[in-house]
N, C-alpha and C. Protein backbone atom coordinates (compact mmCIF):
# COMPACT_ATOMS: atom_id res chain seq x y z
N MET A 1 20.31 27.14 23.17
CA MET A 1 19.87 27.24 21.80
C MET A 1 18.73 26.27 21.51
N ARG A 2 18.84 25.06 22.05
CA ARG A 2 17.77 24.07 21.85
C ARG A 2 16.46 24.52 22.50
N ASN A 3 16.58 25.11 23.67
CA ASN A 3 15.37 25.59 24.35
C ASN A 3 14.68 26.67 23.54
N LEU A 4 15.47 27.55 22.95
CA LEU A 4 14.90 28.61 22.12
C LEU A 4 14.18 28.01 20.90
N PHE A 5 14.82 27.03 20.27
CA PHE A 5 14.22 26.37 19.12
C PHE A 5 12.92 25.65 19.51
N GLN A 6 12.95 24.96 20.63
CA GLN A 6 11.76 24.24 21.11
C GLN A 6 10.61 25.22 21.40
N LYS A 7 10.96 26.34 22.02
CA LYS A 7 9.94 27.33 22.36
C LYS A 7 9.33 27.94 21.09
N ARG A 8 10.17 28.29 20.13
CA ARG A 8 9.67 28.86 18.87
C ARG A 8 8.81 27.85 18.10
N ARG A 9 9.24 26.61 18.12
CA ARG A 9 8.46 25.57 17.44
C ARG A 9 7.10 25.40 18.10
N GLN A 10 7.06 25.44 19.40
CA GLN A 10 5.79 25.30 20.13
C GLN A 10 4.87 26.48 19.84
N VAL A 11 5.41 27.69 19.80
CA VAL A 11 4.60 28.87 19.49
C VAL A 11 4.06 28.77 18.07
N PHE A 12 4.90 28.34 17.13
CA PHE A 12 4.46 28.20 15.74
C PHE A 12 3.35 27.15 15.62
N ARG A 13 3.50 26.03 16.31
CA ARG A 13 2.45 24.99 16.28
C ARG A 13 1.14 25.52 16.83
N ASN A 14 1.21 26.24 17.91
CA ASN A 14 -0.01 26.79 18.50
C ASN A 14 -0.69 27.77 17.55
N GLN A 15 0.09 28.57 16.85
CA GLN A 15 -0.49 29.49 15.87
C GLN A 15 -1.13 28.73 14.72
N CYS A 16 -0.48 27.68 14.26
CA CYS A 16 -1.03 26.89 13.15
C CYS A 16 -2.29 26.15 13.58
N LEU A 17 -2.33 25.66 14.79
CA LEU A 17 -3.50 24.92 15.26
C LEU A 17 -4.73 25.81 15.39
N LYS A 18 -4.52 27.09 15.66
CA LYS A 18 -5.66 28.00 15.75
C LYS A 18 -6.42 28.06 14.43
N TYR A 19 -5.68 28.08 13.33
CA TYR A 19 -6.30 28.27 12.02
C TYR A 19 -6.55 26.96 11.28
N SER A 20 -5.97 25.88 11.73
CA SER A 20 -6.13 24.61 11.01
C SER A 20 -7.57 24.10 11.05
N ARG A 21 -8.29 24.38 12.12
CA ARG A 21 -9.68 23.91 12.17
C ARG A 21 -10.53 24.61 11.12
N TYR A 22 -10.25 25.88 10.84
CA TYR A 22 -10.99 26.58 9.79
C TYR A 22 -10.65 26.02 8.41
N VAL A 23 -9.38 25.75 8.20
CA VAL A 23 -8.94 25.21 6.90
C VAL A 23 -9.56 23.84 6.69
N PHE A 24 -9.49 22.96 7.68
CA PHE A 24 -10.05 21.62 7.54
C PHE A 24 -11.56 21.67 7.44
N ASN A 25 -12.20 22.59 8.13
CA ASN A 25 -13.65 22.72 8.06
C ASN A 25 -14.07 23.09 6.63
N ASP A 26 -13.39 24.04 6.02
CA ASP A 26 -13.71 24.43 4.65
C ASP A 26 -13.45 23.30 3.67
N HIS A 27 -12.35 22.59 3.84
CA HIS A 27 -12.04 21.49 2.94
C HIS A 27 -13.03 20.35 3.12
N PHE A 28 -13.49 20.13 4.33
CA PHE A 28 -14.46 19.06 4.57
C PHE A 28 -15.78 19.38 3.89
N VAL A 29 -16.20 20.63 3.94
CA VAL A 29 -17.45 21.03 3.27
C VAL A 29 -17.29 20.87 1.77
N LEU A 30 -16.16 21.26 1.23
CA LEU A 30 -15.91 21.09 -0.20
C LEU A 30 -15.93 19.61 -0.58
N PHE A 31 -15.30 18.78 0.23
CA PHE A 31 -15.31 17.33 -0.02
C PHE A 31 -16.73 16.79 0.01
N LEU A 32 -17.54 17.22 0.97
CA LEU A 32 -18.92 16.74 1.04
C LEU A 32 -19.72 17.14 -0.19
N LEU A 33 -19.53 18.36 -0.68
CA LEU A 33 -20.24 18.79 -1.89
C LEU A 33 -19.86 17.94 -3.09
N VAL A 34 -18.58 17.66 -3.26
CA VAL A 34 -18.13 16.83 -4.38
C VAL A 34 -18.65 15.41 -4.21
N PHE A 35 -18.62 14.89 -3.00
CA PHE A 35 -19.07 13.52 -2.74
C PHE A 35 -20.57 13.38 -2.97
N ILE A 36 -21.36 14.35 -2.55
CA ILE A 36 -22.80 14.30 -2.78
C ILE A 36 -23.10 14.39 -4.27
N GLY A 37 -22.35 15.20 -5.00
CA GLY A 37 -22.51 15.25 -6.45
C GLY A 37 -22.18 13.93 -7.10
N PHE A 38 -21.12 13.28 -6.64
CA PHE A 38 -20.76 11.96 -7.16
C PHE A 38 -21.85 10.94 -6.89
N LEU A 39 -22.39 10.95 -5.67
CA LEU A 39 -23.46 10.01 -5.34
C LEU A 39 -24.71 10.27 -6.17
N ALA A 40 -25.01 11.52 -6.44
CA ALA A 40 -26.19 11.85 -7.25
C ALA A 40 -26.03 11.34 -8.67
N VAL A 41 -24.84 11.49 -9.24
CA VAL A 41 -24.60 10.98 -10.60
C VAL A 41 -24.69 9.46 -10.63
N GLN A 42 -24.11 8.81 -9.64
CA GLN A 42 -24.16 7.35 -9.60
C GLN A 42 -25.59 6.85 -9.42
N TYR A 43 -26.36 7.53 -8.61
CA TYR A 43 -27.75 7.13 -8.39
C TYR A 43 -28.57 7.31 -9.66
N SER A 44 -28.34 8.39 -10.38
CA SER A 44 -29.09 8.60 -11.63
C SER A 44 -28.72 7.55 -12.66
N GLN A 45 -27.45 7.15 -12.71
CA GLN A 45 -27.05 6.09 -13.63
C GLN A 45 -27.62 4.75 -13.21
N LEU A 46 -27.72 4.51 -11.92
CA LEU A 46 -28.34 3.27 -11.43
C LEU A 46 -29.80 3.20 -11.84
N LEU A 47 -30.51 4.29 -11.67
CA LEU A 47 -31.92 4.31 -12.04
C LEU A 47 -32.11 4.17 -13.55
N ARG A 48 -31.20 4.73 -14.31
CA ARG A 48 -31.30 4.64 -15.76
C ARG A 48 -31.05 3.22 -16.25
N ASN A 49 -30.17 2.48 -15.59
CA ASN A 49 -29.79 1.13 -16.02
C ASN A 49 -30.37 0.04 -15.14
N PHE A 50 -31.39 0.36 -14.37
CA PHE A 50 -31.98 -0.62 -13.46
C PHE A 50 -32.70 -1.70 -14.27
N PRO A 51 -32.46 -2.97 -13.96
CA PRO A 51 -33.10 -4.04 -14.73
C PRO A 51 -34.60 -4.13 -14.45
N LYS A 52 -35.31 -4.78 -15.37
CA LYS A 52 -36.77 -4.92 -15.24
C LYS A 52 -37.13 -5.89 -14.11
N ASN A 53 -36.33 -6.94 -13.95
CA ASN A 53 -36.61 -7.94 -12.93
C ASN A 53 -35.94 -7.51 -11.62
N HIS A 54 -36.74 -7.07 -10.64
CA HIS A 54 -36.20 -6.54 -9.39
C HIS A 54 -35.95 -7.62 -8.33
N LEU A 55 -36.50 -8.81 -8.51
CA LEU A 55 -36.43 -9.84 -7.48
C LEU A 55 -34.99 -10.22 -7.11
N PRO A 56 -34.08 -10.51 -8.06
CA PRO A 56 -32.72 -10.87 -7.65
C PRO A 56 -32.00 -9.75 -6.88
N ILE A 57 -32.25 -8.53 -7.26
CA ILE A 57 -31.60 -7.41 -6.56
C ILE A 57 -32.15 -7.28 -5.15
N ILE A 58 -33.45 -7.42 -4.99
CA ILE A 58 -34.05 -7.34 -3.66
C ILE A 58 -33.56 -8.48 -2.78
N LEU A 59 -33.47 -9.68 -3.33
CA LEU A 59 -32.96 -10.82 -2.55
C LEU A 59 -31.50 -10.60 -2.16
N ALA A 60 -30.69 -10.09 -3.06
CA ALA A 60 -29.29 -9.83 -2.74
C ALA A 60 -29.16 -8.78 -1.64
N LEU A 61 -29.99 -7.74 -1.69
CA LEU A 61 -29.96 -6.72 -0.64
C LEU A 61 -30.38 -7.28 0.71
N VAL A 62 -31.41 -8.13 0.70
CA VAL A 62 -31.87 -8.74 1.95
C VAL A 62 -30.78 -9.62 2.54
N VAL A 63 -30.11 -10.41 1.69
CA VAL A 63 -29.04 -11.29 2.18
C VAL A 63 -27.88 -10.46 2.71
N LEU A 64 -27.53 -9.39 2.03
CA LEU A 64 -26.42 -8.55 2.48
C LEU A 64 -26.74 -7.80 3.78
N LEU A 65 -27.99 -7.39 3.94
CA LEU A 65 -28.35 -6.63 5.13
C LEU A 65 -28.56 -7.51 6.35
N PHE A 66 -28.91 -8.76 6.14
CA PHE A 66 -29.14 -9.66 7.28
C PHE A 66 -28.23 -10.80 7.19
């Protein structure tokens, strides 16, 4: 009985694995679209609220990058 259960479980897993790459691929594309939209909104808000004095921001970026 255990062997039968193990065999059926293995067959079911193999069937699920065939289609899981398509499901994850579609969800990944959907996630990327939402994430790119989020980044675009954040970037537009950054540009809208960017301070006049750019020197402190440039110095902070240089320190963080190096």
